[in-house]
């Protein structure tokens, strides 16, 4: 049973599809990692991370599979034999009890399922993974794996899909260089509308807005969750979310989706 302080998607997914996003409360880690850090790569005490992950799995009632996220576009299929540590930034499964899990501390977690609950998937979208190469990023590679399992055509599959965007660094906090803006505009010139100029020739980027644009380009128009408002910003809510941009030394929270 998910704790009350976790985020649970409010979307019309079938009952067999479960999804949740943890916060930084409810664990045993200390200091900069207090308290529910799920990242085993951030120099936290291994025993504390192990206990936090045990609590995370118990709350889900499923086995979370943690990826080695590399800010890329790789996608892996998860099954009962999958172990933690696959180098990828997206994953999917059609098996029950296996939770596609994305760790974040400013990047955007994106969860997907179809209205019949046949498959679930998740993607880790920092700006590099979201922009990808030549317009193919983590969302596109995940979608290319999911849609053949949902319908006979990509268009029919897209109309049947549900998407949820979790917390991430917000548009008022995500200052980036011109190279980031150019990376998105190379694939979608209208991505310029998701950037506002800031001091010193830099730009404020709307990460959830950029993700929604990419989803719409794929035909995935049924999306819930992060709308870019302050309540979803990891930087601006220190008591609720970890943020690497804000703290530099930081834990990780996680979003997960699974078939019950």
Protein backbone atom coordinates (compact mmCIF):
# COMPACT_ATOMS: atom_id res chain seq x y z
CA UNK A 1 0.00 0.00 0.00
CA UNK A 2 1.51 3.33 -1.11
CA UNK A 3 2.11 5.87 1.69
CA UNK A 4 -0.26 8.84 1.75
CA UNK A 5 2.52 11.30 0.93
CA UNK A 6 3.43 9.55 -2.32
CA UNK A 7 2.06 10.74 -5.65
CA UNK A 8 -0.41 8.38 -7.29
CA UNK A 9 -1.47 9.17 -10.88
CA UNK A 10 -5.04 10.38 -11.23
CA UNK A 11 -5.73 8.92 -14.66
CA UNK A 12 -8.22 6.45 -16.21
CA UNK A 13 -5.90 3.44 -16.20
CA UNK A 14 -7.45 -0.02 -15.73
CA UNK A 15 -7.43 -1.40 -12.20
CA UNK A 16 -4.70 -3.95 -12.94
CA UNK A 17 -2.30 -1.10 -13.76
CA UNK A 18 -0.70 0.39 -10.66
CA UNK A 19 1.61 3.40 -10.54
CA UNK A 20 3.18 5.55 -7.85
CA UNK A 21 5.93 8.08 -7.27
CA UNK A 22 7.80 8.21 -3.98
CA UNK A 23 8.92 11.36 -2.16
CA UNK A 24 11.94 11.94 0.03
CA UNK A 25 10.10 10.98 3.26
CA UNK A 26 9.76 7.63 4.97
CA UNK A 27 13.24 6.14 4.84
CA UNK A 28 16.35 5.65 6.94
CA UNK A 29 19.01 7.62 5.08
CA UNK A 30 20.63 10.61 6.81
CA UNK A 31 22.14 13.98 5.96
CA UNK A 32 21.81 15.10 2.35
CA UNK A 33 20.10 11.79 1.56
CA UNK A 34 17.39 12.09 4.21
CA UNK A 35 15.41 10.09 4.26
CA UNK A 36 14.00 7.87 1.50
CA UNK A 37 16.92 7.79 -0.94
CA UNK A 38 16.63 4.96 -3.48
CA UNK A 39 19.84 5.68 -5.40
CA UNK A 40 22.74 3.30 -4.83
CA UNK A 41 25.16 5.43 -6.89
CA UNK A 42 25.19 8.68 -4.90
CA UNK A 43 27.56 7.75 -2.01
CA UNK A 44 24.81 7.05 0.52
CA UNK A 45 25.30 4.22 3.01
CA UNK A 46 24.60 0.94 1.15
CA UNK A 47 22.69 -0.52 4.09
CA UNK A 48 20.39 2.50 4.21
CA UNK A 49 19.70 2.31 0.47
CA UNK A 50 18.98 -1.41 0.75
CA UNK A 51 16.47 -0.80 3.53
CA UNK A 52 14.82 2.02 1.60
CA UNK A 53 14.53 -0.19 -1.47
CA UNK A 54 13.05 -2.96 0.66
CA UNK A 55 10.43 -0.53 1.94
CA UNK A 56 9.77 0.72 -1.60
CA UNK A 57 9.13 -2.81 -2.87
CA UNK A 58 6.91 -3.63 0.09
CA UNK A 59 4.81 -0.51 -0.52
CA UNK A 60 4.44 -1.33 -4.20
CA UNK A 61 3.59 -4.96 -3.66
CA UNK A 62 5.73 -5.66 -6.73
CA UNK A 63 9.43 -6.08 -7.53
CA UNK A 64 10.98 -2.81 -8.73
CA UNK A 65 13.74 -3.18 -11.29
CA UNK A 66 16.25 -0.32 -11.08
CA UNK A 67 18.16 0.65 -14.22
CA UNK A 68 21.64 2.11 -14.58
CA UNK A 69 20.38 5.33 -16.12
CA UNK A 70 22.92 6.90 -18.48
CA UNK A 71 21.01 9.89 -19.96
CA UNK A 72 20.63 8.03 -23.23
CA UNK A 73 17.87 6.46 -25.29
CA UNK A 74 18.27 2.73 -24.65
CA UNK A 75 15.21 0.65 -23.76
CA UNK A 76 15.01 -2.83 -22.19
CA UNK A 77 12.22 -5.33 -21.78
CA UNK A 78 11.77 -6.53 -18.19
CA UNK A 79 10.68 -10.01 -17.14
CA UNK A 80 10.94 -12.21 -14.06
CA UNK A 81 14.59 -12.87 -14.78
CA UNK A 82 15.55 -9.19 -15.01
CA UNK A 83 18.01 -7.86 -12.48
CA UNK A 84 18.92 -4.34 -11.44
CA UNK A 85 21.62 -2.45 -13.29
CA UNK A 86 20.83 -2.68 -17.00
CA UNK A 87 22.28 0.36 -18.76
CA UNK A 88 19.17 1.98 -20.22
CA UNK A 89 16.86 4.94 -19.76
CA UNK A 90 13.55 3.29 -20.55
CA UNK A 91 11.94 -0.06 -19.85
CA UNK A 92 8.70 -1.93 -20.38
CA UNK A 93 6.98 -5.19 -19.47
CA UNK A 94 3.84 -7.19 -20.03
CA UNK A 95 4.41 -9.41 -16.99
CA UNK A 96 2.66 -9.03 -13.67
CA UNK A 97 4.52 -8.05 -10.52
CA UNK A 98 7.51 -6.42 -12.25
CA UNK A 99 7.69 -2.66 -11.68
CA UNK A 100 9.27 -0.49 -14.36
CA UNK A 101 11.14 1.99 -12.15
CA UNK A 102 12.76 5.33 -12.93
CA UNK A 103 14.93 7.19 -10.40
CA UNK A 104 15.11 10.98 -10.58
CA UNK A 105 16.24 14.10 -8.73
CA UNK A 106 15.33 16.77 -11.35
CA UNK A 107 14.91 14.73 -14.53
CA UNK A 108 11.39 13.86 -15.67
CA UNK A 109 9.93 10.36 -15.11
CA UNK A 110 7.31 9.38 -17.71
CA UNK A 111 4.98 6.40 -17.23
CA UNK A 112 2.87 4.76 -19.95
CA UNK A 113 0.17 2.11 -20.29
CA UNK A 114 -2.70 1.23 -22.60
CA UNK A 115 -6.38 1.38 -21.70
CA UNK A 116 -6.58 -2.42 -21.56
CA UNK A 117 -3.56 -2.78 -19.30
CA UNK A 118 -1.62 -5.08 -21.61
CA UNK A 119 1.77 -3.38 -21.19
CA UNK A 120 3.42 -0.75 -19.02
CA UNK A 121 6.55 1.29 -19.62
CA UNK A 122 8.65 4.05 -18.10
CA UNK A 123 11.26 6.52 -19.35
CA UNK A 124 13.90 8.72 -17.72
CA UNK A 125 13.92 12.11 -19.43
CA UNK A 126 16.70 14.49 -18.66
CA UNK A 127 17.27 16.95 -21.48
CA UNK A 128 19.82 14.72 -23.23
CA UNK A 129 17.62 11.64 -23.18
CA UNK A 130 14.53 13.60 -24.15
CA UNK A 131 16.22 15.43 -27.06
CA UNK A 132 18.04 12.31 -28.22
CA UNK A 133 19.71 12.25 -31.62
CA UNK A 134 17.99 13.44 -34.81
CA UNK A 135 14.68 13.62 -32.98
CA UNK A 136 14.86 10.12 -31.50
CA UNK A 137 15.04 10.19 -27.72
CA UNK A 138 13.98 8.01 -24.81
CA UNK A 139 10.26 8.57 -25.42
CA UNK A 140 10.54 7.60 -29.07
CA UNK A 141 12.53 4.44 -28.36
CA UNK A 142 10.14 3.38 -25.61
CA UNK A 143 7.17 4.00 -27.89
CA UNK A 144 8.73 1.95 -30.69
CA UNK A 145 8.87 -1.00 -28.28
CA UNK A 146 5.38 -0.52 -26.85
CA UNK A 147 3.06 0.14 -29.76
CA UNK A 148 3.40 -3.23 -31.57
CA UNK A 149 2.23 -4.90 -28.32
CA UNK A 150 -0.90 -2.72 -28.17
CA UNK A 151 -2.37 -2.53 -31.68
CA UNK A 152 -1.77 -3.47 -35.29
CA UNK A 153 -0.97 0.11 -36.28
CA UNK A 154 0.97 2.88 -34.57
CA UNK A 155 -1.92 5.32 -34.95
CA UNK A 156 -4.43 2.98 -33.34
CA UNK A 157 -2.01 2.23 -30.53
CA UNK A 158 -1.41 5.92 -29.85
CA UNK A 159 -5.11 6.60 -29.41
CA UNK A 160 -5.23 3.83 -26.81
CA UNK A 161 -2.30 4.98 -24.68
CA UNK A 162 -2.24 6.82 -21.36
CA UNK A 163 0.78 8.80 -20.16
CA UNK A 164 1.69 10.32 -16.79
CA UNK A 165 4.47 12.85 -16.21
CA UNK A 166 6.00 12.96 -12.75
CA UNK A 167 7.81 15.72 -10.82
CA UNK A 168 10.90 17.35 -12.31
CA UNK A 169 12.84 20.59 -12.33
CA UNK A 170 10.35 23.32 -13.23
CA UNK A 171 10.41 25.98 -15.96
CA UNK A 172 11.38 28.70 -13.48
CA UNK A 173 14.45 26.77 -12.28
CA UNK A 174 15.84 24.90 -15.30
CA UNK A 175 18.46 27.27 -16.69
CA UNK A 176 20.32 25.86 -19.71
CA UNK A 177 22.70 26.98 -22.42
CA UNK A 178 21.99 27.69 -26.06
CA UNK A 179 23.19 24.19 -26.95
CA UNK A 180 20.22 22.64 -25.15
CA UNK A 181 17.77 24.90 -26.96
CA UNK A 182 19.41 24.08 -30.29
CA UNK A 183 19.23 20.33 -29.60
CA UNK A 184 15.44 20.48 -29.35
CA UNK A 185 14.94 22.94 -32.19
CA UNK A 186 16.93 20.71 -34.54
CA UNK A 187 14.11 18.15 -34.42
CA UNK A 188 11.18 20.47 -33.69
CA UNK A 189 11.68 24.15 -34.61
CA UNK A 190 8.57 25.11 -32.61
CA UNK A 191 10.33 23.85 -29.46
CA UNK A 192 11.59 27.43 -29.19
CA UNK A 193 8.31 28.33 -27.51
CA UNK A 194 9.34 26.17 -24.51
CA UNK A 195 12.33 28.42 -23.74
CA UNK A 196 12.47 31.87 -22.15
CA UNK A 197 15.61 33.95 -22.12
CA UNK A 198 17.26 34.42 -18.74
CA UNK A 199 20.20 36.47 -17.55
CA UNK A 200 23.61 36.11 -19.14
CA UNK A 201 22.42 34.79 -22.48
CA UNK A 202 21.04 31.57 -21.04
CA UNK A 203 17.56 30.08 -21.25
CA UNK A 204 14.87 28.75 -18.92
CA UNK A 205 13.59 25.46 -20.32
CA UNK A 206 10.15 23.93 -19.79
CA UNK A 207 11.09 20.25 -19.52
CA UNK A 208 7.54 18.87 -19.04
CA UNK A 209 6.35 21.09 -21.88
CA UNK A 210 9.07 19.75 -24.17
CA UNK A 211 8.09 16.20 -23.22
CA UNK A 212 4.42 16.87 -23.97
CA UNK A 213 5.40 18.21 -27.40
CA UNK A 214 7.36 15.04 -28.13
CA UNK A 215 4.46 12.89 -26.96
CA UNK A 216 2.00 14.79 -29.15
CA UNK A 217 4.29 14.34 -32.16
CA UNK A 218 3.96 10.58 -31.57
CA UNK A 219 0.18 10.87 -31.35
CA UNK A 220 0.19 10.35 -27.58
CA UNK A 221 -2.29 13.07 -26.64
CA UNK A 222 -3.75 11.53 -23.46
CA UNK A 223 -1.33 12.80 -20.82
CA UNK A 224 -1.77 13.60 -17.13
CA UNK A 225 0.45 14.80 -14.30
CA UNK A 226 3.14 17.47 -14.41
CA UNK A 227 1.81 20.66 -16.02
CA UNK A 228 4.87 22.77 -15.27
CA UNK A 229 3.34 24.45 -12.23
CA UNK A 230 5.28 25.11 -9.03
CA UNK A 231 3.86 22.14 -7.11
CA UNK A 232 5.62 19.74 -9.50
CA UNK A 233 9.05 21.41 -9.30
CA UNK A 234 11.73 19.36 -7.59
CA UNK A 235 13.94 22.40 -6.98
CA UNK A 236 11.20 24.46 -5.37
CA UNK A 237 9.89 21.80 -2.97
CA UNK A 238 12.87 20.75 -0.82
CA UNK A 239 10.80 19.05 1.88
CA UNK A 240 9.15 16.78 -0.67
CA UNK A 241 11.62 16.08 -3.48
CA UNK A 242 15.32 15.46 -3.93
CA UNK A 243 17.02 17.87 -6.35
CA UNK A 244 20.55 17.56 -7.66
CA UNK A 245 20.42 21.05 -9.20
CA UNK A 246 19.45 22.55 -5.83
CA UNK A 247 21.64 20.52 -3.47
CA UNK A 248 24.40 18.96 -5.63
CA UNK A 249 24.68 16.12 -3.12
CA UNK A 250 21.27 14.51 -3.25
CA UNK A 251 19.32 11.31 -3.01
CA UNK A 252 16.91 9.94 -5.61
CA UNK A 253 13.17 9.31 -5.51
CA UNK A 254 11.42 7.04 -7.99
CA UNK A 255 8.35 6.60 -10.14
CA UNK A 256 7.14 3.08 -10.91
CA UNK A 257 4.44 1.38 -12.94
CA UNK A 258 3.45 -2.29 -12.86
CA UNK A 259 0.74 -4.81 -13.62
CA UNK A 260 -0.90 -6.13 -10.46
